[in-house]
């Protein structure tokens, strides 16, 4: 059996681990709340751009046909950090299904963890880009990532672009979302309800539509990343809550064992005192 000192050392180490788990749990909860607040604005702006696109298409119905049969690419939004359960593995399982459905597709991964899973799974990446676990890092990450992916599109690396990301449902639960963002589904925008007053534009039809394509592409990229950050931190929060429960249970067992060993130690000390007293009586007799 372990000594009392060994048990006390374990308690100290696990208590330190509990403090780390508590900090990570608090951080995940904070990031989740901040990302959810961002999503309200991002979703509203996405709807506004979609509505503007619908108005523009009604004003300028002649839109050049886009290539919808060329090579496809999928942007997978994974995580930069770990400790979020099977979050990334679930997304990669869905990725493989989507690649089969498309008859093959180039893959672009956002997130260090996703890059590692792709390498281990033998998935050849067209590009690997950094991500963020913090909502505050989204604007910088999205601008660089969206520009890099759009350059590949302009270079002819693919003609159809899909995004695969996670949408937070509840703590520890999310669903995968798979959407095509290039070329745009123009019929969807034409179905948007028109605004109350006809919009005024100083641009030509071609310029306006081009600007709206870029804006919609960017905001969808932005939304996919914020949605993923929500889901990621939700999964991390669940993992940390489970870790906290395990640590508390282990500490409880160790504390119980320490009390037993301490009581045994006290008993042994009392027996030594009693034995000493008995020996002294014999000597004095």
Protein backbone atom coordinates (compact mmCIF):
# COMPACT_ATOMS: atom_id res chain seq x y z
CA UNK A 1 0.00 0.00 0.00
CA UNK A 2 1.16 3.52 -0.74
CA UNK A 3 2.48 5.60 2.12
CA UNK A 4 0.68 8.64 3.52
CA UNK A 5 3.31 10.91 2.00
CA UNK A 6 2.82 9.38 -1.47
CA UNK A 7 -0.94 9.89 -1.22
CA UNK A 8 -0.47 13.52 -0.17
CA UNK A 9 1.83 14.15 -3.16
CA UNK A 10 -0.84 12.69 -5.48
CA UNK A 11 -3.49 14.90 -3.91
CA UNK A 12 -1.35 18.00 -4.49
CA UNK A 13 -0.78 17.09 -8.15
CA UNK A 14 -4.42 16.29 -8.87
CA UNK A 15 -5.55 19.46 -7.08
CA UNK A 16 -3.33 21.40 -9.46
CA UNK A 17 -4.89 19.51 -12.37
CA UNK A 18 -8.35 20.41 -11.10
CA UNK A 19 -7.39 24.10 -11.17
CA UNK A 20 -6.27 23.74 -14.82
CA UNK A 21 -9.47 21.92 -15.77
CA UNK A 22 -11.53 24.61 -14.05
CA UNK A 23 -9.69 27.36 -15.97
CA UNK A 24 -10.18 25.60 -19.32
CA UNK A 25 -13.84 24.97 -18.53
CA UNK A 26 -14.34 28.65 -17.73
CA UNK A 27 -12.52 29.73 -20.90
CA UNK A 28 -14.57 27.36 -23.09
CA UNK A 29 -17.79 28.68 -21.55
CA UNK A 30 -16.67 32.29 -22.13
CA UNK A 31 -15.70 31.66 -25.77
CA UNK A 32 -18.99 29.87 -26.38
CA UNK A 33 -21.04 32.80 -25.07
CA UNK A 34 -19.01 35.36 -27.04
CA UNK A 35 -19.28 33.35 -30.25
CA UNK A 36 -23.05 32.99 -29.81
CA UNK A 37 -23.32 36.76 -29.45
CA UNK A 38 -21.31 37.23 -32.66
CA UNK A 39 -23.53 34.77 -34.51
CA UNK A 40 -26.63 36.90 -34.03
CA UNK A 41 -25.03 39.75 -36.01
CA UNK A 42 -23.37 37.48 -38.57
CA UNK A 43 -26.59 35.64 -39.40
CA UNK A 44 -28.49 38.92 -39.72
CA UNK A 45 -25.85 40.34 -42.06
CA UNK A 46 -25.87 37.14 -44.14
CA UNK A 47 -29.64 37.47 -44.55
CA UNK A 48 -29.25 41.14 -45.54
CA UNK A 49 -26.70 40.30 -48.25
CA UNK A 50 -28.93 37.48 -49.54
CA UNK A 51 -31.85 39.90 -49.74
CA UNK A 52 -29.70 42.45 -51.60
CA UNK A 53 -28.64 39.72 -54.02
CA UNK A 54 -32.27 38.90 -54.72
CA UNK A 55 -33.03 42.56 -55.47
CA UNK A 56 -29.98 42.83 -57.74
CA UNK A 57 -30.94 39.73 -59.70
CA UNK A 58 -34.43 41.08 -60.28
CA UNK A 59 -32.95 44.36 -61.50
CA UNK A 60 -30.27 42.70 -63.63
CA UNK A 61 -31.61 39.28 -64.61
CA UNK A 62 -28.93 38.52 -67.22
CA UNK A 63 -26.18 36.78 -65.26
CA UNK A 64 -23.35 34.91 -67.01
CA UNK A 65 -23.64 31.16 -66.52
CA UNK A 66 -21.11 29.75 -64.09
CA UNK A 67 -19.29 26.44 -64.40
CA UNK A 68 -21.14 23.94 -62.22
CA UNK A 69 -19.55 20.77 -63.58
CA UNK A 70 -15.84 21.35 -62.99
CA UNK A 71 -13.66 20.01 -60.16
CA UNK A 72 -14.92 20.49 -56.61
CA UNK A 73 -13.19 21.55 -53.41
CA UNK A 74 -14.36 21.28 -49.81
CA UNK A 75 -13.24 23.65 -47.06
CA UNK A 76 -13.35 21.77 -43.76
CA UNK A 77 -13.51 23.92 -40.64
CA UNK A 78 -11.71 21.96 -37.92
CA UNK A 79 -10.13 23.13 -34.65
CA UNK A 80 -6.82 24.72 -33.83
CA UNK A 81 -6.73 23.10 -30.38
CA UNK A 82 -7.71 19.74 -28.93
CA UNK A 83 -9.62 18.60 -25.82
CA UNK A 84 -12.97 18.69 -27.62
CA UNK A 85 -13.83 15.00 -27.76
CA UNK A 86 -14.45 13.45 -31.18
CA UNK A 87 -15.38 16.79 -32.72
CA UNK A 88 -12.80 16.68 -35.54
CA UNK A 89 -13.15 12.96 -36.17
CA UNK A 90 -16.91 13.33 -36.71
CA UNK A 91 -16.34 16.13 -39.23
CA UNK A 92 -13.78 14.03 -41.09
CA UNK A 93 -16.18 11.08 -41.23
CA UNK A 94 -18.68 13.41 -42.90
CA UNK A 95 -15.95 14.78 -45.18
CA UNK A 96 -15.21 11.30 -46.56
CA UNK A 97 -18.91 10.73 -47.25
CA UNK A 98 -19.17 14.06 -49.08
CA UNK A 99 -16.08 13.32 -51.15
CA UNK A 100 -17.64 10.02 -52.25
CA UNK A 101 -20.92 11.75 -53.13
CA UNK A 102 -19.06 14.31 -55.28
CA UNK A 103 -16.98 11.65 -56.98
CA UNK A 104 -13.84 13.15 -55.44
CA UNK A 105 -12.94 16.64 -54.29
CA UNK A 106 -9.89 18.65 -53.32
CA UNK A 107 -9.72 19.38 -49.60
CA UNK A 108 -8.76 22.59 -47.82
CA UNK A 109 -8.52 22.41 -44.03
CA UNK A 110 -8.73 25.21 -41.51
CA UNK A 111 -7.24 24.24 -38.16
CA UNK A 112 -4.08 22.56 -36.94
CA UNK A 113 -5.93 19.52 -35.59
CA UNK A 114 -7.62 18.89 -38.90
CA UNK A 115 -4.29 19.04 -40.70
CA UNK A 116 -2.95 16.27 -38.45
CA UNK A 117 -6.01 14.05 -38.96
CA UNK A 118 -5.85 14.54 -42.74
CA UNK A 119 -2.18 13.52 -42.82
CA UNK A 120 -2.83 10.47 -40.64
CA UNK A 121 -5.79 9.47 -42.83
CA UNK A 122 -3.91 9.85 -46.11
CA UNK A 123 -6.06 12.77 -47.34
CA UNK A 124 -4.11 14.94 -49.78
CA UNK A 125 -4.70 18.60 -48.97
CA UNK A 126 -4.91 21.39 -51.50
CA UNK A 127 -4.17 23.83 -48.66
CA UNK A 128 -3.88 23.89 -44.87
CA UNK A 129 -4.72 27.14 -43.10
CA UNK A 130 -4.74 28.24 -39.44
CA UNK A 131 -7.93 28.69 -37.45
CA UNK A 132 -8.88 30.12 -34.06
CA UNK A 133 -10.65 28.88 -30.93
CA UNK A 134 -11.40 32.44 -29.85
CA UNK A 135 -14.14 34.63 -31.39
CA UNK A 136 -11.75 37.59 -31.20
CA UNK A 137 -9.43 35.89 -33.68
CA UNK A 138 -12.12 35.39 -36.34
CA UNK A 139 -11.77 38.62 -38.42
CA UNK A 140 -8.03 38.17 -38.97
CA UNK A 141 -8.29 34.42 -39.68
CA UNK A 142 -11.28 34.73 -42.01
CA UNK A 143 -9.80 37.49 -44.14
CA UNK A 144 -6.59 35.55 -44.76
CA UNK A 145 -8.34 32.20 -45.28
CA UNK A 146 -11.06 33.57 -47.57
CA UNK A 147 -8.49 35.40 -49.71
CA UNK A 148 -6.28 32.31 -49.96
CA UNK A 149 -9.17 30.06 -51.00
CA UNK A 150 -10.52 32.59 -53.51
CA UNK A 151 -7.08 32.85 -55.13
CA UNK A 152 -7.12 29.08 -55.66
CA UNK A 153 -10.58 29.45 -57.22
CA UNK A 154 -9.35 32.16 -59.59
CA UNK A 155 -6.33 30.02 -60.50
CA UNK A 156 -8.67 27.27 -61.69
CA UNK A 157 -7.86 24.74 -58.94
CA UNK A 158 -11.60 24.11 -58.63
CA UNK A 159 -14.84 25.52 -60.01
CA UNK A 160 -17.20 24.41 -57.24
CA UNK A 161 -16.58 25.25 -53.60
CA UNK A 162 -18.31 23.69 -50.61
CA UNK A 163 -17.92 24.35 -46.89
CA UNK A 164 -18.24 21.71 -44.18
CA UNK A 165 -18.58 23.00 -40.65
CA UNK A 166 -20.29 22.35 -37.31
CA UNK A 167 -23.39 24.03 -35.92
CA UNK A 168 -23.84 24.14 -32.15
CA UNK A 169 -27.10 22.57 -30.92
CA UNK A 170 -26.58 22.22 -27.16
CA UNK A 171 -23.67 21.67 -24.79
CA UNK A 172 -21.84 18.63 -26.16
CA UNK A 173 -24.05 18.33 -29.23
CA UNK A 174 -23.68 19.67 -32.77
CA UNK A 175 -24.64 18.84 -36.33
CA UNK A 176 -22.55 18.91 -39.48
CA UNK A 177 -23.50 21.44 -42.13
CA UNK A 178 -22.49 21.07 -45.79
CA UNK A 179 -23.17 23.95 -48.20
CA UNK A 180 -22.11 25.08 -51.66
CA UNK A 181 -20.94 28.70 -51.76
CA UNK A 182 -19.38 28.88 -55.24
CA UNK A 183 -20.89 29.11 -57.75
CA UNK A 184 -23.85 30.67 -56.01
CA UNK A 185 -27.30 29.11 -56.13
CA UNK A 186 -28.94 32.01 -57.97
CA UNK A 187 -32.42 30.46 -57.84
CA UNK A 188 -32.25 30.62 -54.07
CA UNK A 189 -31.56 34.36 -54.15
CA UNK A 190 -34.26 35.01 -56.72
CA UNK A 191 -36.70 33.46 -54.25
CA UNK A 192 -35.81 36.06 -51.61
CA UNK A 193 -38.65 38.44 -50.81
CA UNK A 194 -38.08 41.85 -52.43
CA UNK A 195 -37.37 44.85 -50.24
CA UNK A 196 -40.12 47.44 -49.72
CA UNK A 197 -38.49 50.00 -52.03
CA UNK A 198 -36.50 49.36 -55.16
CA UNK A 199 -32.79 49.75 -54.34
CA UNK A 200 -30.71 52.48 -55.91
CA UNK A 201 -27.22 51.66 -57.16
CA UNK A 202 -24.55 53.78 -58.80
CA UNK A 203 -22.82 50.64 -60.12
CA UNK A 204 -23.43 48.77 -63.33
CA UNK A 205 -25.24 45.45 -63.03
CA UNK A 206 -22.04 43.46 -63.53
CA UNK A 207 -20.16 45.50 -60.89
CA UNK A 208 -22.95 45.21 -58.36
CA UNK A 209 -23.35 41.47 -58.77
CA UNK A 210 -19.60 40.93 -58.58
CA UNK A 211 -19.42 42.94 -55.35
CA UNK A 212 -22.33 41.00 -53.86
CA UNK A 213 -20.74 37.66 -54.80
CA UNK A 214 -17.56 38.66 -52.96
CA UNK A 215 -19.49 39.96 -49.95
CA UNK A 216 -21.70 36.88 -49.69
CA UNK A 217 -18.71 34.56 -50.11
CA UNK A 218 -16.89 36.38 -47.31
CA UNK A 219 -19.79 36.47 -44.86
CA UNK A 220 -20.53 32.77 -45.41
CA UNK A 221 -16.90 31.99 -44.66
CA UNK A 222 -17.15 34.16 -41.57
CA UNK A 223 -20.37 32.50 -40.42
CA UNK A 224 -18.99 28.98 -40.92
CA UNK A 225 -15.99 29.75 -38.71
CA UNK A 226 -18.03 31.36 -35.92
CA UNK A 227 -20.53 28.48 -36.00
CA UNK A 228 -17.63 26.05 -35.70
CA UNK A 229 -16.11 27.96 -32.78
CA UNK A 230 -19.45 27.75 -30.97
CA UNK A 231 -19.68 24.01 -31.53
CA UNK A 232 -16.01 23.42 -30.72
CA UNK A 233 -16.17 25.22 -27.38
CA UNK A 234 -19.45 23.52 -26.56
CA UNK A 235 -17.73 20.14 -27.00
CA UNK A 236 -14.70 21.36 -25.03
CA UNK A 237 -16.99 22.55 -22.23
CA UNK A 238 -18.56 19.09 -22.04
CA UNK A 239 -15.11 17.44 -22.03
CA UNK A 240 -13.92 19.70 -19.22
CA UNK A 241 -17.07 19.04 -17.19
CA UNK A 242 -16.46 15.30 -17.55
CA UNK A 243 -12.79 15.77 -16.64
CA UNK A 244 -13.77 17.81 -13.57
CA UNK A 245 -16.14 15.06 -12.44
CA UNK A 246 -13.39 12.46 -12.83
CA UNK A 247 -10.85 14.61 -10.99
CA UNK A 248 -13.29 15.30 -8.14
CA UNK A 249 -14.05 11.58 -7.85
CA UNK A 250 -10.33 10.71 -7.78
CA UNK A 251 -9.64 13.39 -5.19
CA UNK A 252 -12.50 12.08 -3.07
CA UNK A 253 -11.02 8.58 -3.14
CA UNK A 254 -7.54 9.87 -2.30
CA UNK A 255 -8.87 11.99 0.55
CA UNK A 256 -10.69 8.98 1.94
CA UNK A 257 -7.51 6.90 1.69
CA UNK A 258 -5.49 9.69 3.33
CA UNK A 259 -7.89 9.76 6.29
CA UNK A 260 -7.57 6.00 6.68
CA UNK A 261 -3.77 6.11 6.51
CA UNK A 262 -3.64 9.09 8.85
CA UNK A 263 -5.84 7.25 11.34
CA UNK A 264 -3.61 4.18 11.05
CA UNK A 265 -0.60 6.40 11.65
CA UNK A 266 -2.22 7.92 14.75
CA UNK A 267 -3.13 4.44 16.00
CA UNK A 268 0.45 3.27 15.52
CA UNK A 269 1.75 6.31 17.40
CA UNK A 270 -0.68 5.65 20.28
CA UNK A 271 0.39 2.03 20.42
CA UNK A 272 4.03 3.13 20.58
CA UNK A 273 3.20 5.50 23.44
CA UNK A 274 1.30 2.77 25.29
CA UNK A 275 4.08 0.24 24.69
CA UNK A 276 6.64 2.76 25.94
CA UNK A 277 4.56 3.45 29.04
CA UNK A 278 4.21 -0.27 29.76
CA UNK A 279 7.96 -0.78 29.35
CA UNK A 280 8.62 2.11 31.76
CA UNK A 281 6.32 0.57 34.37
CA UNK A 282 8.21 -2.72 34.14
CA UNK A 283 11.53 -0.94 34.61
CA UNK A 284 10.25 0.98 37.65
CA UNK A 285 8.72 -2.08 39.27
